[in-house]
Amino acid sequence: MKFYLLIFLSVITVFGINAQEEQQEFTENVLRINFLSPGVEYEYAVSNTSTLSAGLGVAYGGSYPDLSGNGSGFRYLFTPFLDLQYKFFYNFEKRLAKNKKTANNSGNFISGRIYTRGETIEGNFDRTSNYDFAVGPTWGIQRSYGKFHLLFDVGTIYYFDTKGNGNWFPIMIQLNLGFNL
């Protein structure tokens, strides 16, 4: 986990140096507190239409089919998480032409997402490993209504654990509500 955090901080530093030379017309840096998956998120503008976001917190989750056992019925767990996304916003100019807001990075995006979960705090099934990861592309919308924040994205993922188990999952959905600080 420390290794991934070090890589993430290195990427932010490199993008930060390059982004300082560009004029920020649309995207902006935003710090958020999220409630559906309690945590904090920082979205860093790396270009006029792209951001890099990092979220830390505790989330509700289900089981990945090849990474769980010993459970039946409705499966749930609560774990700490790290969520990294590179978002490319493709409709800022269209939103501005229609007099819609782009504040706090309100727009539609495509992204590359890396999501990892840590040791189970509470759950009703066994996992094959204490840590699992999900990687894949997403499409989403992000809106700000004053200080209120809404994010929805969906995409296919490849999930795996530290023991080499893994597979494709057809749809991963994220819904987040929170406040921009």
C-alpha atoms as a PDB file:
ATOM      1  CA  MET A   1       0.000   0.000   0.000  1.00  0.00           C
ATOM      2  CA  LYS A   2       2.884   2.373   0.788  1.00  0.00           C
ATOM      3  CA  PHE A   3       4.379   1.555  -2.615  1.00  0.00           C
ATOM      4  CA  TYR A   4       1.157   2.608  -4.400  1.00  0.00           C
ATOM      5  CA  LEU A   5       0.941   5.792  -2.355  1.00  0.00           C
ATOM      6  CA  LEU A   6       4.542   6.659  -3.296  1.00  0.00           C
ATOM      7  CA  ILE A   7       3.786   6.114  -6.997  1.00  0.00           C
ATOM      8  CA  PHE A   8       0.630   8.236  -6.735  1.00  0.00           C
ATOM      9  CA  LEU A   9       2.478  11.126  -5.059  1.00  0.00           C
ATOM     10  CA  SER A  10       5.224  10.958  -7.709  1.00  0.00           C
ATOM     11  CA  VAL A  11       2.651  11.146 -10.518  1.00  0.00           C
ATOM     12  CA  ILE A  12       0.939  14.147  -8.889  1.00  0.00           C
ATOM     13  CA  THR A  13       4.283  15.932  -8.581  1.00  0.00           C
ATOM     14  CA  VAL A  14       5.166  15.384 -12.250  1.00  0.00           C
ATOM     15  CA  PHE A  15       1.709  16.441 -13.445  1.00  0.00           C
ATOM     16  CA  GLY A  16       1.794  19.416 -11.080  1.00  0.00           C
ATOM     17  CA  ILE A  17       5.024  20.729 -12.571  1.00  0.00           C
ATOM     18  CA  ASN A  18       3.615  20.445 -16.106  1.00  0.00           C
ATOM     19  CA  ALA A  19       0.199  21.855 -15.168  1.00  0.00           C
ATOM     20  CA  GLN A  20       1.707  25.017 -13.691  1.00  0.00           C
ATOM     21  CA  GLU A  21       2.865  26.010 -17.166  1.00  0.00           C
ATOM     22  CA  GLU A  22      -0.657  25.686 -18.638  1.00  0.00           C
ATOM     23  CA  GLN A  23      -3.473  28.136 -18.103  1.00  0.00           C
ATOM     24  CA  GLN A  24      -6.347  26.520 -16.222  1.00  0.00           C
ATOM     25  CA  GLU A  25      -9.486  27.501 -18.122  1.00  0.00           C
ATOM     26  CA  PHE A  26     -11.902  24.813 -17.007  1.00  0.00           C
ATOM     27  CA  THR A  27     -10.686  22.335 -14.400  1.00  0.00           C
ATOM     28  CA  GLU A  28      -9.767  23.334 -10.887  1.00  0.00           C
ATOM     29  CA  ASN A  29      -8.423  21.784  -7.720  1.00  0.00           C
ATOM     30  CA  VAL A  30     -11.230  20.625  -5.424  1.00  0.00           C
ATOM     31  CA  LEU A  31     -11.203  19.099  -1.934  1.00  0.00           C
ATOM     32  CA  ARG A  32     -14.332  17.120  -1.013  1.00  0.00           C
ATOM     33  CA  ILE A  33     -15.908  15.209   1.817  1.00  0.00           C
ATOM     34  CA  ASN A  34     -18.034  12.287   0.580  1.00  0.00           C
ATOM     35  CA  PHE A  35     -20.864  10.647   2.491  1.00  0.00           C
ATOM     36  CA  LEU A  36     -22.081   7.492   0.693  1.00  0.00           C
ATOM     37  CA  SER A  37     -18.569   6.105   0.918  1.00  0.00           C
ATOM     38  CA  PRO A  38     -17.363   8.142   3.902  1.00  0.00           C
ATOM     39  CA  GLY A  39     -14.056   9.719   3.090  1.00  0.00           C
ATOM     40  CA  VAL A  40     -12.099  12.595   1.683  1.00  0.00           C
ATOM     41  CA  GLU A  41     -11.230  13.196  -1.981  1.00  0.00           C
ATOM     42  CA  TYR A  42      -8.845  15.613  -3.646  1.00  0.00           C
ATOM     43  CA  GLU A  43      -9.228  16.361  -7.339  1.00  0.00           C
ATOM     44  CA  TYR A  44      -6.124  17.928  -8.874  1.00  0.00           C
ATOM     45  CA  ALA A  45      -6.296  19.778 -12.218  1.00  0.00           C
ATOM     46  CA  VAL A  46      -3.563  18.486 -14.536  1.00  0.00           C
ATOM     47  CA  SER A  47      -4.742  20.265 -17.705  1.00  0.00           C
ATOM     48  CA  ASN A  48      -7.652  22.345 -18.984  1.00  0.00           C
ATOM     49  CA  THR A  49      -9.816  19.243 -19.363  1.00  0.00           C
ATOM     50  CA  SER A  50      -8.214  16.597 -17.119  1.00  0.00           C
ATOM     51  CA  THR A  51      -7.948  15.913 -13.411  1.00  0.00           C
ATOM     52  CA  LEU A  52      -6.338  13.330 -11.191  1.00  0.00           C
ATOM     53  CA  SER A  53      -8.429  12.441  -8.149  1.00  0.00           C
ATOM     54  CA  ALA A  54      -7.516  10.480  -5.049  1.00  0.00           C
ATOM     55  CA  GLY A  55     -10.007   9.358  -2.434  1.00  0.00           C
ATOM     56  CA  LEU A  56      -9.443   7.697   0.945  1.00  0.00           C
ATOM     57  CA  GLY A  57     -12.090   6.429   3.303  1.00  0.00           C
ATOM     58  CA  VAL A  58     -14.243   3.528   4.422  1.00  0.00           C
ATOM     59  CA  ALA A  59     -16.696   1.971   1.991  1.00  0.00           C
ATOM     60  CA  TYR A  60     -19.429  -0.576   1.720  1.00  0.00           C
ATOM     61  CA  GLY A  61     -18.752  -3.259  -0.861  1.00  0.00           C
ATOM     62  CA  GLY A  62     -19.843  -6.630  -2.103  1.00  0.00           C
ATOM     63  CA  SER A  63     -17.939  -9.711  -3.129  1.00  0.00           C
ATOM     64  CA  TYR A  64     -16.062 -10.257  -6.345  1.00  0.00           C
ATOM     65  CA  PRO A  65     -17.046 -13.748  -7.581  1.00  0.00           C
ATOM     66  CA  ASP A  66     -13.522 -15.214  -7.727  1.00  0.00           C
ATOM     67  CA  LEU A  67     -12.225 -13.529  -4.566  1.00  0.00           C
ATOM     68  CA  SER A  68     -14.692 -14.745  -1.958  1.00  0.00           C
ATOM     69  CA  GLY A  69     -16.084 -17.826  -0.300  1.00  0.00           C
ATOM     70  CA  ASN A  70     -18.041 -19.041   2.740  1.00  0.00           C
ATOM     71  CA  GLY A  71     -21.089 -16.869   2.522  1.00  0.00           C
ATOM     72  CA  SER A  72     -24.620 -16.976   1.261  1.00  0.00           C
ATOM     73  CA  GLY A  73     -27.415 -14.582   0.502  1.00  0.00           C
ATOM     74  CA  PHE A  74     -26.709 -10.863   0.503  1.00  0.00           C
ATOM     75  CA  ARG A  75     -22.929 -10.403   0.845  1.00  0.00           C
ATOM     76  CA  TYR A  76     -21.474  -7.217   2.290  1.00  0.00           C
ATOM     77  CA  LEU A  77     -18.287  -5.853   3.787  1.00  0.00           C
ATOM     78  CA  PHE A  78     -16.911  -2.574   5.086  1.00  0.00           C
ATOM     79  CA  THR A  79     -13.266  -1.852   4.277  1.00  0.00           C
ATOM     80  CA  PRO A  80     -10.868   1.063   3.986  1.00  0.00           C
ATOM     81  CA  PHE A  81     -10.304   2.059   0.360  1.00  0.00           C
ATOM     82  CA  LEU A  82      -8.032   4.048  -1.935  1.00  0.00           C
ATOM     83  CA  ASP A  83      -9.622   5.254  -5.181  1.00  0.00           C
ATOM     84  CA  LEU A  84      -7.473   6.837  -7.922  1.00  0.00           C
ATOM     85  CA  GLN A  85      -8.957   8.228 -11.143  1.00  0.00           C
ATOM     86  CA  TYR A  86      -7.612  10.109 -14.133  1.00  0.00           C
ATOM     87  CA  LYS A  87     -10.644  11.958 -15.577  1.00  0.00           C
ATOM     88  CA  PHE A  88     -10.892  13.522 -19.019  1.00  0.00           C
ATOM     89  CA  PHE A  89     -13.821  15.971 -19.225  1.00  0.00           C
ATOM     90  CA  TYR A  90     -15.074  16.129 -22.804  1.00  0.00           C
ATOM     91  CA  ASN A  91     -18.043  18.522 -22.655  1.00  0.00           C
ATOM     92  CA  PHE A  92     -16.908  21.715 -20.889  1.00  0.00           C
ATOM     93  CA  GLU A  93     -17.200  23.891 -24.004  1.00  0.00           C
ATOM     94  CA  LYS A  94     -20.654  22.503 -24.788  1.00  0.00           C
ATOM     95  CA  ARG A  95     -21.796  23.192 -21.206  1.00  0.00           C
ATOM     96  CA  LEU A  96     -20.479  26.767 -21.361  1.00  0.00           C
ATOM     97  CA  ALA A  97     -22.202  27.352 -24.729  1.00  0.00           C
ATOM     98  CA  LYS A  98     -25.510  26.356 -23.090  1.00  0.00           C
ATOM     99  CA  ASN A  99     -24.784  28.640 -20.083  1.00  0.00           C
ATOM    100  CA  LYS A 100     -24.328  25.647 -17.769  1.00  0.00           C
ATOM    101  CA  LYS A 101     -21.778  25.688 -14.970  1.00  0.00           C
ATOM    102  CA  THR A 102     -18.397  23.972 -15.053  1.00  0.00           C
ATOM    103  CA  ALA A 103     -17.455  25.063 -11.516  1.00  0.00           C
ATOM    104  CA  ASN A 104     -15.833  22.374  -9.343  1.00  0.00           C
ATOM    105  CA  ASN A 105     -15.298  20.280 -12.484  1.00  0.00           C
ATOM    106  CA  SER A 106     -18.976  19.832 -13.362  1.00  0.00           C
ATOM    107  CA  GLY A 107     -19.075  17.855 -16.580  1.00  0.00           C
ATOM    108  CA  ASN A 108     -19.136  14.468 -18.262  1.00  0.00           C
ATOM    109  CA  PHE A 109     -15.947  12.430 -18.292  1.00  0.00           C
ATOM    110  CA  ILE A 110     -14.204   9.241 -19.271  1.00  0.00           C
ATOM    111  CA  SER A 111     -11.611   7.934 -16.884  1.00  0.00           C
ATOM    112  CA  GLY A 112      -9.105   5.298 -15.962  1.00  0.00           C
ATOM    113  CA  ARG A 113      -9.779   4.056 -12.434  1.00  0.00           C
ATOM    114  CA  ILE A 114      -7.760   2.084  -9.885  1.00  0.00           C
ATOM    115  CA  TYR A 115      -9.644   1.025  -6.769  1.00  0.00           C
ATOM    116  CA  THR A 116      -8.196  -0.967  -3.881  1.00  0.00           C
ATOM    117  CA  ARG A 117      -9.753  -2.270  -0.676  1.00  0.00           C
ATOM    118  CA  GLY A 118      -7.942  -3.119   2.532  1.00  0.00           C
ATOM    119  CA  GLU A 119      -8.602  -5.470   5.416  1.00  0.00           C
ATOM    120  CA  THR A 120     -12.237  -6.145   6.258  1.00  0.00           C
ATOM    121  CA  ILE A 121     -13.640  -4.129   9.165  1.00  0.00           C
ATOM    122  CA  GLU A 122     -16.987  -5.978   9.087  1.00  0.00           C
ATOM    123  CA  GLY A 123     -18.452  -8.443   6.608  1.00  0.00           C
ATOM    124  CA  ASN A 124     -20.399 -11.660   6.175  1.00  0.00           C
ATOM    125  CA  PHE A 125     -18.077 -13.640   3.878  1.00  0.00           C
ATOM    126  CA  ASP A 126     -14.425 -14.660   3.633  1.00  0.00           C
ATOM    127  CA  ARG A 127     -12.064 -13.053   1.133  1.00  0.00           C
ATOM    128  CA  THR A 128      -9.170 -14.886  -0.530  1.00  0.00           C
ATOM    129  CA  SER A 129      -6.818 -12.033   0.438  1.00  0.00           C
ATOM    130  CA  ASN A 130      -6.945  -9.017   2.750  1.00  0.00           C
ATOM    131  CA  TYR A 131      -6.312  -6.700  -0.212  1.00  0.00           C
ATOM    132  CA  ASP A 132      -7.969  -6.592  -3.615  1.00  0.00           C
ATOM    133  CA  PHE A 133      -7.771  -4.266  -6.578  1.00  0.00           C
ATOM    134  CA  ALA A 134      -9.987  -3.229  -9.485  1.00  0.00           C
ATOM    135  CA  VAL A 135      -8.749  -1.501 -12.647  1.00  0.00           C
ATOM    136  CA  GLY A 136     -10.707  -0.300 -15.644  1.00  0.00           C
ATOM    137  CA  PRO A 137     -12.209   2.464 -17.772  1.00  0.00           C
ATOM    138  CA  THR A 138     -15.339   4.350 -16.724  1.00  0.00           C
ATOM    139  CA  TRP A 139     -17.794   6.869 -18.100  1.00  0.00           C
ATOM    140  CA  GLY A 140     -19.355   9.305 -15.679  1.00  0.00           C
ATOM    141  CA  ILE A 141     -21.005  12.574 -14.797  1.00  0.00           C
ATOM    142  CA  GLN A 142     -20.001  14.952 -12.055  1.00  0.00           C
ATOM    143  CA  ARG A 143     -22.055  17.919 -10.938  1.00  0.00           C
ATOM    144  CA  SER A 144     -21.799  20.600  -8.294  1.00  0.00           C
ATOM    145  CA  TYR A 145     -24.827  22.441  -6.975  1.00  0.00           C
ATOM    146  CA  GLY A 146     -23.302  25.150  -4.827  1.00  0.00           C
ATOM    147  CA  LYS A 147     -21.252  23.235  -2.250  1.00  0.00           C
ATOM    148  CA  PHE A 148     -23.132  19.956  -2.872  1.00  0.00           C
ATOM    149  CA  HIS A 149     -21.354  17.370  -5.069  1.00  0.00           C
ATOM    150  CA  LEU A 150     -22.771  14.454  -7.093  1.00  0.00           C
ATOM    151  CA  LEU A 151     -20.730  11.864  -8.969  1.00  0.00           C
ATOM    152  CA  PHE A 152     -21.915   8.807 -10.892  1.00  0.00           C
ATOM    153  CA  ASP A 153     -19.725   6.584 -13.019  1.00  0.00           C
ATOM    154  CA  VAL A 154     -19.943   3.125 -14.528  1.00  0.00           C
ATOM    155  CA  GLY A 155     -17.501   0.838 -16.306  1.00  0.00           C
ATOM    156  CA  THR A 156     -16.106  -2.625 -16.722  1.00  0.00           C
ATOM    157  CA  ILE A 157     -13.230  -3.717 -14.490  1.00  0.00           C
ATOM    158  CA  TYR A 158     -10.588  -6.347 -14.050  1.00  0.00           C
ATOM    159  CA  TYR A 159     -10.347  -7.309 -10.376  1.00  0.00           C
ATOM    160  CA  PHE A 160      -7.543  -9.238  -8.677  1.00  0.00           C
ATOM    161  CA  ASP A 161      -6.011  -9.918  -5.280  1.00  0.00           C
ATOM    162  CA  THR A 162      -2.492 -10.292  -3.894  1.00  0.00           C
ATOM    163  CA  LYS A 163      -2.594 -14.086  -4.368  1.00  0.00           C
ATOM    164  CA  GLY A 164      -3.073 -13.976  -8.145  1.00  0.00           C
ATOM    165  CA  ASN A 165      -6.823 -14.611  -8.280  1.00  0.00           C
ATOM    166  CA  GLY A 166      -8.782 -12.385 -10.625  1.00  0.00           C
ATOM    167  CA  ASN A 167     -11.304 -12.003 -13.413  1.00  0.00           C
ATOM    168  CA  TRP A 168     -13.399  -9.490 -15.375  1.00  0.00           C
ATOM    169  CA  PHE A 169     -16.521  -7.964 -13.883  1.00  0.00           C
ATOM    170  CA  PRO A 170     -18.959  -6.565 -16.458  1.00  0.00           C
ATOM    171  CA  ILE A 171     -20.154  -3.507 -14.535  1.00  0.00           C
ATOM    172  CA  MET A 172     -18.874  -1.494 -11.608  1.00  0.00           C
ATOM    173  CA  ILE A 173     -20.988   1.436 -10.463  1.00  0.00           C
ATOM    174  CA  GLN A 174     -19.936   4.326  -8.256  1.00  0.00           C
ATOM    175  CA  LEU A 175     -22.333   6.845  -6.735  1.00  0.00           C
ATOM    176  CA  ASN A 176     -21.004   9.559  -4.463  1.00  0.00           C
ATOM    177  CA  LEU A 177     -22.635  12.458  -2.694  1.00  0.00           C
ATOM    178  CA  GLY A 178     -20.671  15.005  -0.731  1.00  0.00           C
ATOM    179  CA  PHE A 179     -19.579  18.584  -0.183  1.00  0.00           C
ATOM    180  CA  ASN A 180     -16.929  20.657  -1.963  1.00  0.00           C
ATOM    181  CA  LEU A 181     -14.729  22.484   0.525  1.00  0.00           C
END
